[in-house]
Amino acid sequence: MKNDSLDPMIRDAYAIAAQPERLMKLLTVLQNPVVEDEGSLQPHFANVTELLTEIDPSVGDDFSTYGQDLDGASGQLRLPELKLSTSMTVLSVDEQIFKSSELNRGQSIPDWLFGVDRESYAQVEKLMEGRGKASPAIVRLYTDREDDRGVLFAAQLTTAGSAELDFRIMRLRWNETIGKAFAKSLELTATEKQLAEYLVNGLSVIEFASDRGRALGTARNQLKALLRKLGIGSQTDLIALYAGFSNAFADAESRDHKPAPTRSSHKLALADGSDLPFEIYGKPDGKPVLYLHATIDGAYLTARQQEAASRQKLRIIAPWLPFYAGSTMATTGLAVVDEFVDRLVYLLDQLEIGSCSVISARVAAPYGMAAIRRHPDRFCGLVMAGTILPADDSNDFSHLAMGYRAPLRLARIAPSFVRLYFAAISTMVRRGKSMAYFQSIYGESAADMRTLNRPDVAELMQRSMKRTFEDGYESTAQQAILTASDWSKWCRDLEVPVTVIAGSEDRLAPPEMVKKFCDRYGFNLIGPLQDVGSLAIQQVPNEIFEEAAKIPLD
């Protein structure tokens, strides 16, 4: 007998085919069970996924619009994170970015906002002298008195009514292809190129010195030499120079070429005729570490992560998880974990690696746990950079952020919804309408939202989503089904150590639940770390790779 209470949900589901952003409305409705026979929605979800693919067949084609609207409506200028009067009085402030009690609406700015060298303030003064005729200035502002790094902003003078200064976080990022051309045309050394990359990506000279193990004075002298070579006077001039070069280069490239699709760096042919795609980072003689990635992060590493691994003298082997990057599997669900672990052992054999440690990020936890339990002689320890938790039948997922809750709850009874979910998300991101999705997943974590805005993370997400979705949605559907499963059988009777690095803002695995999980199975817990959320692998790579380096190899 037809259940009339399902009709509104069926209509909402089919509306997604025309407007993928309607997914968020359906997601809200499906947070909790609404009828007993939700499983009967299964064929409708499957139909909508097919329709969506027919309407928008560009699966995996282009994710360059990733994060375009994370802070505002697509196609519109997003709200500034800071607005000042020309007399330097605060008119509005984003308290998620500027947390200091010294920066309040209606008050004069504190002396630390523009930094001690006042270079940024001089840029703003020049902007005000131009009365809006000058291009937006690139300035570095400091978020509180203890901030020694600062954040890059685009400053713009608005003249609607009374003149006001708007400051918006910069989204410029270093592109490796353009960066190489930039360095070559300006005859930069390898060190100068790397320093320029740090500054363009919003990092500081202090971080450059620290990551390279150099004295701060040495790094500052290198910066002075670079500025002299380029005939410019400041870091912001360097960033503006790169921005201009980048725009000109991109325009020329778009006229002459279409960029080659991103492919996996390596593929291992398997006995069944399929492939195991994987990436490798670091020197061949480095201490081997197997890195198992999270859902849409992919097996790529940012420059910051590679630096962290290099500092520990690690060689990172990063296989793509099941169904990612064109791989196929004979099984699904929990059974696919054992099949994948067997492939990992074969991968170590082919790379002539006797044993290694393992790092898992978030939803890759079951794969990492199964690897160390089934083959403790090959996988000598596990570091979990955030985690999911085994889900028994009574788990209602109420502890999860909204964007996780409905897909995981329905993964068991209506897995076609999970495919629809990621099909709609994929389309939303490609159309530059990702804000609602990321808010539903990470909106309760200021740390995660800041990380998603980082240029290096944005570039990684663009590349990895292309590989994740180019063959459809089976990879992400498998991850959701696995996340909604009870995989605790791999947590018991372990012979090697497990360390869990937890964030205080993690809504995939809240700190109090992670502590119970670690206590139950005797795992070592680091955290909860402040200002760290679900994206710990991006936020604290130094700590994660350092823990992996500590694990002795047999």
Protein backbone atom coordinates (compact mmCIF):
# COMPACT_ATOMS: atom_id res chain seq x y z
CA MET A 1 0.00 0.00 0.00
CA LYS A 2 1.30 3.40 -0.96
CA ASN A 3 2.52 5.53 1.95
CA ASP A 4 1.31 9.10 1.33
CA SER A 5 3.74 10.46 3.92
CA LEU A 6 6.56 9.67 1.51
CA ASP A 7 5.17 11.88 -1.25
CA PRO A 8 6.80 15.16 -0.10
CA MET A 9 10.18 13.45 0.18
CA ILE A 10 9.81 11.89 -3.26
CA ARG A 11 8.99 15.32 -4.72
CA ASP A 12 11.99 16.86 -2.92
CA ALA A 13 14.22 14.10 -4.24
CA TYR A 14 13.20 14.64 -7.88
CA ALA A 15 13.61 18.41 -7.45
CA ILE A 16 17.33 17.77 -6.87
CA ALA A 17 17.72 16.79 -10.53
CA ALA A 18 16.93 20.37 -11.54
CA GLN A 19 18.41 22.11 -8.49
CA PRO A 20 21.13 20.07 -6.75
CA GLU A 21 21.19 22.55 -3.86
CA ARG A 22 17.69 21.27 -2.92
CA LEU A 23 19.61 18.34 -1.44
CA MET A 24 20.09 20.37 1.73
CA LYS A 25 16.30 20.60 2.23
CA LEU A 26 15.91 16.84 1.83
CA LEU A 27 18.89 16.31 4.12
CA THR A 28 17.14 18.26 6.87
CA VAL A 29 13.96 16.19 6.50
CA LEU A 30 15.88 12.90 6.62
CA GLN A 31 17.88 13.62 9.78
CA ASN A 32 15.66 11.21 11.72
CA PRO A 33 13.36 8.35 10.62
CA VAL A 34 10.07 9.77 9.39
CA VAL A 35 8.28 6.58 8.28
CA GLU A 36 8.84 2.87 8.79
CA ASP A 37 9.34 2.03 5.12
CA GLU A 38 12.07 4.52 4.18
CA GLY A 39 13.67 1.71 2.22
CA SER A 40 10.92 2.13 -0.38
CA LEU A 41 12.55 5.44 -1.34
CA GLN A 42 15.52 3.47 -2.69
CA PRO A 43 14.40 3.28 -6.36
CA HIS A 44 13.48 6.98 -6.38
CA PHE A 45 16.93 7.97 -5.12
CA ALA A 46 18.49 5.80 -7.84
CA ASN A 47 16.30 7.40 -10.53
CA VAL A 48 17.22 10.92 -9.44
CA THR A 49 20.93 10.05 -9.54
CA GLU A 50 20.53 8.87 -13.14
CA LEU A 51 18.59 12.00 -14.04
CA LEU A 52 21.19 14.24 -12.42
CA THR A 53 23.97 12.53 -14.35
CA GLU A 54 22.07 12.91 -17.63
CA ILE A 55 21.38 16.61 -16.99
CA ASP A 56 24.95 17.29 -15.84
CA PRO A 57 27.19 14.59 -17.37
CA SER A 58 30.46 16.34 -16.48
CA VAL A 59 31.29 13.90 -13.68
CA GLY A 60 34.85 14.57 -12.61
CA ASP A 61 35.45 17.16 -15.32
CA ASP A 62 36.26 20.33 -13.42
CA PHE A 63 36.26 21.33 -9.75
CA SER A 64 38.01 24.67 -10.18
CA THR A 65 35.00 26.33 -8.55
CA TYR A 66 35.68 24.50 -5.27
CA GLY A 67 35.07 26.84 -2.37
CA GLN A 68 34.00 29.71 -4.63
CA ASP A 69 31.11 30.54 -2.33
CA LEU A 70 32.36 29.28 1.02
CA ASP A 71 31.88 32.77 2.40
CA GLY A 72 29.07 34.12 0.29
CA ALA A 73 26.63 33.59 -2.53
CA SER A 74 28.11 32.43 -5.82
CA GLY A 75 28.70 35.25 -8.27
CA GLN A 76 28.46 37.93 -5.62
CA LEU A 77 31.17 39.68 -3.65
CA ARG A 78 31.21 37.97 -0.27
CA LEU A 79 30.93 39.93 2.93
CA PRO A 80 34.22 41.34 4.24
CA GLU A 81 35.80 39.73 7.28
CA LEU A 82 36.61 43.22 8.56
CA LYS A 83 35.15 46.61 7.75
CA LEU A 84 36.79 49.84 8.97
CA SER A 85 35.98 53.51 8.63
CA THR A 86 38.69 55.66 7.09
CA SER A 87 39.36 56.96 10.61
CA MET A 88 40.23 53.36 11.58
CA THR A 89 37.14 52.60 13.63
CA VAL A 90 35.77 49.06 13.49
CA LEU A 91 32.40 48.93 11.67
CA SER A 92 32.03 45.15 11.52
CA VAL A 93 34.24 42.15 12.31
CA ASP A 94 34.08 38.39 11.74
CA GLU A 95 34.59 37.00 15.22
CA GLN A 96 35.52 33.58 13.84
CA ILE A 97 38.62 35.15 12.27
CA PHE A 98 39.36 37.96 14.72
CA LYS A 99 38.72 36.50 18.16
CA SER A 100 40.41 39.20 20.23
CA SER A 101 38.31 41.21 22.67
CA GLU A 102 40.39 44.24 21.63
CA LEU A 103 38.74 44.36 18.21
CA ASN A 104 35.15 45.47 18.72
CA ARG A 105 32.59 47.32 16.68
CA GLY A 106 32.66 51.06 17.34
CA GLN A 107 36.20 51.06 18.76
CA SER A 108 39.49 52.17 17.23
CA ILE A 109 41.71 49.43 15.90
CA PRO A 110 44.38 47.99 18.25
CA ASP A 111 48.02 48.73 17.45
CA TRP A 112 48.83 45.09 16.64
CA LEU A 113 46.30 44.77 13.76
CA PHE A 114 48.71 45.96 11.03
CA GLY A 115 51.90 44.50 12.57
CA VAL A 116 54.99 46.14 13.90
CA ASP A 117 56.57 47.08 10.56
CA ARG A 118 53.44 49.01 9.47
CA GLU A 119 54.01 48.00 5.84
CA SER A 120 50.36 46.98 5.50
CA TYR A 121 49.16 50.25 7.01
CA ALA A 122 51.22 52.16 4.46
CA GLN A 123 49.46 50.17 1.71
CA VAL A 124 46.07 51.13 3.15
CA GLU A 125 47.05 54.79 3.38
CA LYS A 126 48.04 54.71 -0.29
CA LEU A 127 44.69 53.10 -1.09
CA MET A 128 42.81 55.86 0.73
CA GLU A 129 44.83 58.54 -1.05
CA GLY A 130 43.65 57.09 -4.36
CA ARG A 131 40.02 57.41 -3.17
CA GLY A 132 38.98 54.12 -4.72
CA LYS A 133 40.74 54.62 -8.06
CA ALA A 134 43.61 52.30 -7.11
CA SER A 135 43.35 48.52 -7.35
CA PRO A 136 42.67 46.62 -4.13
CA ALA A 137 45.77 46.43 -1.94
CA ILE A 138 47.20 43.18 -0.59
CA VAL A 139 47.86 43.52 3.14
CA ARG A 140 48.74 41.27 6.04
CA LEU A 141 46.59 41.67 9.13
CA TYR A 142 47.07 39.99 12.49
CA THR A 143 44.13 38.29 14.15
CA ASP A 144 45.13 38.91 17.77
CA ARG A 145 48.02 40.13 19.90
CA GLU A 146 49.67 36.68 19.96
CA ASP A 147 49.45 36.09 16.20
CA ASP A 148 52.99 36.20 14.81
CA ARG A 149 52.04 34.95 11.34
CA GLY A 150 49.17 37.11 10.12
CA VAL A 151 46.68 36.48 7.34
CA LEU A 152 46.65 37.97 3.83
CA PHE A 153 43.66 40.17 2.96
CA ALA A 154 42.57 42.15 -0.08
CA ALA A 155 41.78 45.68 1.07
CA GLN A 156 39.29 47.69 -0.95
CA LEU A 157 37.97 51.23 -0.49
CA THR A 158 34.22 51.47 -1.00
CA THR A 159 32.65 54.84 -1.73
CA ALA A 160 28.96 54.04 -1.47
CA GLY A 161 27.80 56.73 0.96
CA SER A 162 30.69 57.37 3.31
CA ALA A 163 34.03 55.84 2.39
CA GLU A 164 34.78 52.53 4.12
CA LEU A 165 37.58 49.96 4.00
CA ASP A 166 36.65 46.34 3.35
CA PHE A 167 39.10 43.53 4.08
CA ARG A 168 38.51 40.07 2.57
CA ILE A 169 40.73 37.04 3.05
CA MET A 170 42.89 36.40 -0.01
CA ARG A 171 42.19 33.27 -2.06
CA LEU A 172 45.29 33.52 -4.25
CA ARG A 173 47.29 30.30 -4.25
CA TRP A 174 50.53 29.12 -5.78
CA ASN A 175 50.08 26.98 -8.88
CA GLU A 176 53.02 24.69 -9.56
CA THR A 177 52.95 25.07 -13.34
CA ILE A 178 52.56 28.86 -13.19
CA GLY A 179 55.05 29.02 -10.33
CA LYS A 180 57.72 27.26 -12.37
CA ALA A 181 57.18 29.71 -15.25
CA PHE A 182 57.25 32.62 -12.77
CA ALA A 183 60.53 31.43 -11.25
CA LYS A 184 62.10 30.74 -14.64
CA SER A 185 61.18 34.09 -16.16
CA LEU A 186 62.50 35.98 -13.13
CA GLU A 187 65.55 33.71 -12.75
CA LEU A 188 64.76 32.71 -9.18
CA THR A 189 66.85 30.14 -7.36
CA ALA A 190 65.18 27.05 -5.85
CA THR A 191 65.21 28.69 -2.42
CA GLU A 192 63.81 31.96 -3.76
CA LYS A 193 61.06 30.07 -5.57
CA GLN A 194 60.11 28.22 -2.40
CA LEU A 195 60.12 31.43 -0.37
CA ALA A 196 57.87 33.09 -2.96
CA GLU A 197 55.52 30.09 -2.78
CA TYR A 198 55.26 30.38 0.99
CA LEU A 199 54.41 34.07 0.82
CA VAL A 200 51.88 33.70 -2.00
CA ASN A 201 50.13 30.94 -0.05
CA GLY A 202 49.72 33.29 2.90
CA LEU A 203 52.47 31.78 5.05
CA SER A 204 55.07 33.83 6.87
CA VAL A 205 58.85 34.16 6.80
CA ILE A 206 58.83 32.68 10.31
CA GLU A 207 57.11 29.51 9.01
CA PHE A 208 59.50 29.37 6.06
CA ALA A 209 62.48 29.46 8.42
CA SER A 210 60.96 26.92 10.80
CA ASP A 211 59.97 24.42 8.08
CA ARG A 212 63.44 24.57 6.52
CA GLY A 213 65.29 24.45 9.82
CA ARG A 214 66.89 27.85 9.19
CA ALA A 215 67.52 30.76 11.51
CA LEU A 216 64.90 33.50 11.20
CA GLY A 217 67.63 36.06 10.44
CA THR A 218 68.82 33.93 7.52
CA ALA A 219 65.30 33.71 6.10
CA ARG A 220 64.82 37.46 6.39
CA ASN A 221 68.09 38.09 4.56
CA GLN A 222 66.92 35.72 1.81
CA LEU A 223 63.70 37.70 1.54
CA LYS A 224 65.60 41.00 1.27
CA ALA A 225 67.79 39.51 -1.48
CA LEU A 226 64.71 38.29 -3.36
CA LEU A 227 63.01 41.68 -3.18
CA ARG A 228 66.19 43.42 -4.41
CA LYS A 229 66.44 40.99 -7.34
CA LEU A 230 62.86 41.74 -8.36
CA GLY A 231 63.19 45.47 -7.84
CA ILE A 232 60.27 45.65 -5.41
CA GLY A 233 60.00 46.87 -1.85
CA SER A 234 57.74 44.52 0.12
CA GLN A 235 56.18 41.10 0.53
CA THR A 236 52.85 42.45 -0.67
CA ASP A 237 54.54 43.75 -3.84
CA LEU A 238 55.82 40.21 -4.44
CA ILE A 239 52.34 38.74 -4.02
CA ALA A 240 50.85 41.35 -6.34
CA LEU A 241 53.59 40.60 -8.90
CA TYR A 242 52.77 36.90 -8.79
CA ALA A 243 49.03 37.60 -9.02
CA GLY A 244 49.53 39.66 -12.17
CA PHE A 245 51.84 37.07 -13.70
CA SER A 246 49.37 34.29 -12.78
CA ASN A 247 46.43 36.03 -14.46
CA ALA A 248 48.42 36.73 -17.64
CA PHE A 249 49.76 33.17 -17.75
CA ALA A 250 46.33 31.61 -17.15
CA ASP A 251 44.77 33.74 -19.90
CA ALA A 252 47.44 32.68 -22.37
CA GLU A 253 47.14 29.02 -21.42
CA SER A 254 43.35 29.03 -21.71
CA ARG A 255 43.65 30.34 -25.25
CA ASP A 256 46.21 27.78 -26.35
CA HIS A 257 45.71 24.66 -24.26
CA LYS A 258 43.35 22.70 -22.15
CA PRO A 259 45.09 21.33 -19.06
CA ALA A 260 45.86 17.65 -19.11
CA PRO A 261 43.68 15.57 -16.76
CA THR A 262 45.22 14.74 -13.41
CA ARG A 263 46.18 11.09 -13.23
CA SER A 264 47.68 8.92 -10.57
CA SER A 265 51.45 8.95 -10.54
CA HIS A 266 51.73 5.16 -10.25
CA LYS A 267 49.64 2.08 -10.92
CA LEU A 268 50.28 -1.46 -9.77
CA ALA A 269 48.84 -4.15 -12.04
CA LEU A 270 47.02 -6.84 -10.05
CA ALA A 271 46.45 -10.51 -10.83
CA ASP A 272 42.73 -10.01 -11.54
CA GLY A 273 43.51 -7.52 -14.30
CA SER A 274 42.65 -4.42 -12.26
CA ASP A 275 45.03 -1.73 -11.00
CA LEU A 276 45.98 -0.29 -7.63
CA PRO A 277 46.69 3.43 -8.20
CA PHE A 278 49.01 5.14 -5.70
CA GLU A 279 51.21 8.18 -5.08
CA ILE A 280 54.71 8.30 -3.60
CA TYR A 281 56.35 11.23 -1.78
CA GLY A 282 59.81 11.61 -0.31
CA LYS A 283 63.17 10.02 -0.98
CA PRO A 284 63.48 6.28 -1.76
CA ASP A 285 65.69 5.75 1.29
CA GLY A 286 63.19 7.40 3.68
CA LYS A 287 61.45 5.45 6.43
CA PRO A 288 58.32 4.03 4.74
CA VAL A 289 54.85 5.09 5.89
CA LEU A 290 51.56 4.01 4.32
CA TYR A 291 49.08 6.91 4.14
CA LEU A 292 45.37 6.06 3.82
CA HIS A 293 43.37 9.11 2.80
CA ALA A 294 39.94 10.44 3.78
CA THR A 295 36.89 10.70 1.53
CA ILE A 296 37.51 13.69 -0.74
CA ASP A 297 41.09 14.56 0.33
CA GLY A 298 42.44 11.89 -1.99
CA ALA A 299 45.93 10.44 -1.96
CA TYR A 300 47.57 13.79 -2.73
CA LEU A 301 49.59 15.74 -0.17
CA THR A 302 49.95 19.50 0.10
CA ALA A 303 53.39 21.10 0.16
CA ARG A 304 52.96 21.64 3.89
CA GLN A 305 52.29 17.94 4.46
CA GLN A 306 55.23 16.96 2.27
CA GLU A 307 57.49 19.29 4.24
CA ALA A 308 56.31 17.71 7.50
CA ALA A 309 57.03 14.23 6.17
CA SER A 310 60.42 15.30 4.80
CA ARG A 311 61.40 16.73 8.18
CA GLN A 312 60.91 13.26 9.68
CA LYS A 313 62.83 11.66 6.77
CA LEU A 314 59.77 9.67 5.70
CA ARG A 315 58.84 8.08 2.40
CA ILE A 316 55.05 8.28 1.99
CA ILE A 317 53.23 5.61 -0.02
CA ALA A 318 49.65 6.77 -0.57
CA PRO A 319 47.34 4.24 -2.29
CA TRP A 320 43.94 5.36 -3.49
CA LEU A 321 41.17 3.67 -1.50
CA PRO A 322 38.74 1.17 -3.10
CA PHE A 323 36.85 2.43 -6.16
CA TYR A 324 38.89 5.66 -6.27
CA ALA A 325 40.92 6.78 -9.30
CA GLY A 326 39.49 4.10 -11.57
CA SER A 327 40.17 1.09 -9.32
CA THR A 328 37.66 -1.74 -9.08
CA MET A 329 36.96 -4.28 -6.34
CA ALA A 330 35.24 -7.67 -6.30
CA THR A 331 33.48 -7.02 -2.99
CA THR A 332 31.72 -4.20 -1.13
CA GLY A 333 30.95 -3.24 2.46
CA LEU A 334 33.15 -4.67 5.20
CA ALA A 335 34.39 -7.43 2.89
CA VAL A 336 36.14 -4.88 0.69
CA VAL A 337 38.41 -3.95 3.61
CA ASP A 338 40.06 -7.37 3.74
CA GLU A 339 40.41 -7.43 -0.06
CA PHE A 340 42.06 -4.02 -0.01
CA VAL A 341 44.45 -4.96 2.81
CA ASP A 342 45.65 -7.92 0.73
CA ARG A 343 46.39 -5.45 -2.07
CA LEU A 344 48.40 -3.31 0.36
CA VAL A 345 50.60 -6.29 1.27
CA TYR A 346 51.16 -6.97 -2.42
CA LEU A 347 52.05 -3.30 -2.92
CA LEU A 348 54.71 -3.51 -0.18
CA ASP A 349 56.10 -6.66 -1.81
CA GLN A 350 56.40 -4.99 -5.20
CA LEU A 351 58.07 -1.92 -3.67
CA GLU A 352 60.42 -4.24 -1.73
CA ILE A 353 59.29 -2.79 1.60
CA GLY A 354 59.49 -5.27 4.44
CA SER A 355 57.43 -3.31 6.97
CA CYS A 356 56.06 0.18 7.56
CA SER A 357 53.87 2.25 9.84
CA VAL A 358 50.40 3.42 8.82
CA ILE A 359 48.62 6.78 8.97
CA SER A 360 44.85 6.84 8.45
CA ALA A 361 42.80 10.01 8.00
CA ARG A 362 39.21 10.04 9.31
CA VAL A 363 37.08 7.50 7.41
CA ALA A 364 40.12 5.42 6.39
CA ALA A 365 40.37 4.19 10.01
CA PRO A 366 38.87 0.70 9.31
CA TYR A 367 41.42 0.05 6.56
CA GLY A 368 44.31 1.04 8.83
CA MET A 369 42.99 -1.02 11.73
CA ALA A 370 42.43 -4.09 9.56
CA ALA A 371 45.94 -3.79 8.12
CA ILE A 372 47.71 -3.83 11.49
CA ARG A 373 45.47 -6.60 12.88
CA ARG A 374 45.78 -8.97 9.93
CA HIS A 375 49.45 -8.33 9.16
CA PRO A 376 51.27 -7.03 12.27
CA ASP A 377 54.54 -8.27 10.77
CA ARG A 378 54.17 -5.87 7.82
CA PHE A 379 52.28 -2.94 9.40
CA CYS A 380 54.03 -2.08 12.67
CA GLY A 381 51.75 0.59 14.11
CA LEU A 382 48.91 2.96 13.29
CA VAL A 383 48.50 6.72 13.73
CA MET A 384 44.90 7.84 13.27
CA ALA A 385 44.63 11.49 12.20
CA GLY A 386 41.07 11.86 13.37
CA THR A 387 38.81 8.86 13.11
CA ILE A 388 35.36 7.49 12.64
CA LEU A 389 33.97 5.21 15.33
CA PRO A 390 32.55 1.69 14.91
CA ALA A 391 28.77 1.99 14.56
CA ASP A 392 26.60 -0.69 16.20
CA ASP A 393 22.93 -1.21 15.34
CA SER A 394 21.77 1.12 18.12
CA ASN A 395 23.82 4.08 16.87
CA ASP A 396 21.50 6.85 15.69
CA PHE A 397 24.40 9.10 14.60
CA SER A 398 22.89 11.97 16.58
CA HIS A 399 26.37 13.07 17.64
CA LEU A 400 27.35 13.85 14.05
CA ALA A 401 27.12 17.11 12.14
CA MET A 402 24.01 17.37 9.96
CA GLY A 403 25.84 16.64 6.71
CA TYR A 404 27.03 13.28 8.04
CA ARG A 405 23.89 12.20 9.88
CA ALA A 406 21.33 11.39 7.17
CA PRO A 407 23.76 9.78 4.67
CA LEU A 408 25.14 7.45 7.35
CA ARG A 409 21.75 6.64 8.82
CA LEU A 410 20.40 5.73 5.38
CA ALA A 411 23.55 3.97 4.15
CA ARG A 412 22.27 0.65 5.49
CA ILE A 413 18.64 0.77 4.40
CA ALA A 414 18.80 2.95 1.28
CA PRO A 415 22.38 3.08 -0.08
CA SER A 416 21.12 4.68 -3.29
CA PHE A 417 20.59 7.85 -1.24
CA VAL A 418 24.32 7.97 -0.56
CA ARG A 419 25.03 7.90 -4.30
CA LEU A 420 22.44 10.63 -4.86
CA TYR A 421 23.98 12.64 -2.02
CA PHE A 422 27.44 12.65 -3.58
CA ALA A 423 26.11 13.14 -7.11
CA ALA A 424 24.33 16.30 -5.94
CA ILE A 425 27.35 17.46 -3.92
CA SER A 426 29.62 16.93 -6.92
CA THR A 427 27.34 19.02 -9.12
CA MET A 428 26.99 21.75 -6.47
CA VAL A 429 30.77 22.08 -6.14
CA ARG A 430 31.27 22.24 -9.92
CA ARG A 431 28.64 24.99 -10.11
CA GLY A 432 30.33 27.01 -7.40
CA LYS A 433 27.60 26.38 -4.83
CA SER A 434 29.48 24.38 -2.23
CA MET A 435 28.84 26.59 0.80
CA ALA A 436 25.72 24.78 2.07
CA TYR A 437 27.44 21.40 1.86
CA PHE A 438 30.62 22.45 3.67
CA GLN A 439 28.58 24.26 6.31
CA SER A 440 26.54 21.10 6.92
CA ILE A 441 29.73 19.10 7.49
CA TYR A 442 32.20 21.55 9.01
CA GLY A 443 30.15 24.62 9.93
CA GLU A 444 30.39 23.95 13.67
CA SER A 445 34.19 23.96 13.52
CA ALA A 446 35.85 27.32 12.92
CA ALA A 447 39.18 25.49 12.57
CA ASP A 448 37.87 23.29 9.74
CA MET A 449 36.24 26.18 7.88
CA ARG A 450 39.51 28.13 8.02
CA THR A 451 41.36 25.08 6.71
CA LEU A 452 38.98 24.67 3.77
CA ASN A 453 39.77 28.28 2.84
CA ARG A 454 43.52 27.70 2.82
CA PRO A 455 44.86 27.96 -0.75
CA ASP A 456 46.93 24.78 -0.54
CA VAL A 457 43.95 22.78 0.74
CA ALA A 458 41.67 24.28 -1.92
CA GLU A 459 44.06 23.19 -4.65
CA LEU A 460 44.36 19.69 -3.17
CA MET A 461 40.57 19.36 -2.94
CA GLN A 462 40.15 20.42 -6.56
CA ARG A 463 42.62 17.80 -7.76
CA SER A 464 41.37 15.00 -5.53
CA MET A 465 37.67 15.58 -6.24
CA LYS A 466 38.41 15.28 -9.94
CA ARG A 467 39.95 11.84 -9.35
CA THR A 468 37.29 10.87 -6.81
CA PHE A 469 34.26 11.57 -8.99
CA GLU A 470 35.52 10.98 -12.53
CA ASP A 471 34.20 7.41 -12.59
CA GLY A 472 31.01 8.00 -10.62
CA TYR A 473 30.07 7.85 -6.97
CA GLU A 474 30.90 4.29 -5.91
CA SER A 475 34.02 5.31 -3.99
CA THR A 476 32.25 7.80 -1.74
CA ALA A 477 29.21 5.52 -1.39
CA GLN A 478 31.50 2.73 -0.19
CA GLN A 479 33.07 5.08 2.34
CA ALA A 480 29.66 6.05 3.73
CA ILE A 481 28.53 2.43 3.98
CA LEU A 482 31.76 1.53 5.75
CA THR A 483 31.44 4.50 8.12
CA ALA A 484 27.94 3.33 9.04
CA SER A 485 29.17 -0.19 9.85
CA ASP A 486 30.41 -1.88 13.00
CA TRP A 487 34.05 -2.53 12.20
CA SER A 488 35.13 -3.06 15.81
CA LYS A 489 36.30 -6.62 15.06
CA TRP A 490 39.57 -5.14 13.78
CA CYS A 491 40.13 -3.17 17.01
CA ARG A 492 40.59 -6.22 19.24
CA ASP A 493 43.67 -8.30 20.11
CA LEU A 494 46.15 -6.03 18.37
CA GLU A 495 49.87 -6.74 18.52
CA VAL A 496 51.10 -3.29 17.49
CA PRO A 497 50.48 0.22 18.92
CA VAL A 498 47.67 2.56 17.90
CA THR A 499 47.73 6.33 18.50
CA VAL A 500 44.67 8.50 17.92
CA ILE A 501 45.18 12.23 17.35
CA ALA A 502 41.90 13.95 18.20
CA GLY A 503 40.71 17.53 17.69
CA SER A 504 38.54 19.48 20.09
CA GLU A 505 36.29 20.58 17.19
CA ASP A 506 35.89 17.20 15.47
CA ARG A 507 32.20 16.57 14.71
CA LEU A 508 32.85 13.25 12.99
CA ALA A 509 34.20 11.82 16.26
CA PRO A 510 33.54 14.09 19.27
CA PRO A 511 36.36 14.14 21.86
CA GLU A 512 34.38 12.46 24.67
CA MET A 513 33.45 9.56 22.36
CA VAL A 514 37.03 9.23 21.09
CA LYS A 515 38.27 8.97 24.69
CA LYS A 516 35.82 6.14 25.42
CA PHE A 517 36.90 4.44 22.20
CA CYS A 518 40.59 4.65 23.15
CA ASP A 519 39.94 3.52 26.74
CA ARG A 520 37.93 0.53 25.52
CA TYR A 521 40.67 -0.79 23.26
CA GLY A 522 43.78 0.53 25.02
CA PHE A 523 44.82 3.01 22.34
CA ASN A 524 47.09 5.98 23.01
CA LEU A 525 45.20 9.29 22.78
CA ILE A 526 46.79 12.62 21.89
CA GLY A 527 44.38 15.48 22.46
CA PRO A 528 41.84 16.76 22.11
CA LEU A 529 44.02 19.40 20.44
CA GLN A 530 42.68 22.94 20.50
CA ASP A 531 41.76 24.61 17.18
CA VAL A 532 41.80 21.20 15.46
CA GLY A 533 38.73 19.63 13.90
CA SER A 534 38.02 16.76 11.51
CA LEU A 535 40.76 17.97 9.12
CA ALA A 536 43.64 17.20 11.48
CA ILE A 537 45.74 15.76 8.65
CA GLN A 538 45.77 19.26 7.13
CA GLN A 539 45.97 21.17 10.42
CA VAL A 540 48.70 19.39 12.40
CA PRO A 541 50.75 17.36 9.87
CA ASN A 542 53.94 17.87 11.86
CA GLU A 543 52.53 16.12 14.93
CA ILE A 544 51.02 13.31 12.85
CA PHE A 545 54.13 12.48 10.84
CA GLU A 546 56.29 12.80 13.94
CA GLU A 547 54.19 10.13 15.68
CA ALA A 548 54.46 7.85 12.65
CA ALA A 549 58.24 8.31 12.62
CA LYS A 550 58.45 7.11 16.23
CA ILE A 551 57.05 3.66 15.40
CA PRO A 552 59.91 1.13 15.19
CA LEU A 553 59.95 -1.13 12.13
CA ASP A 554 60.69 -4.82 12.65
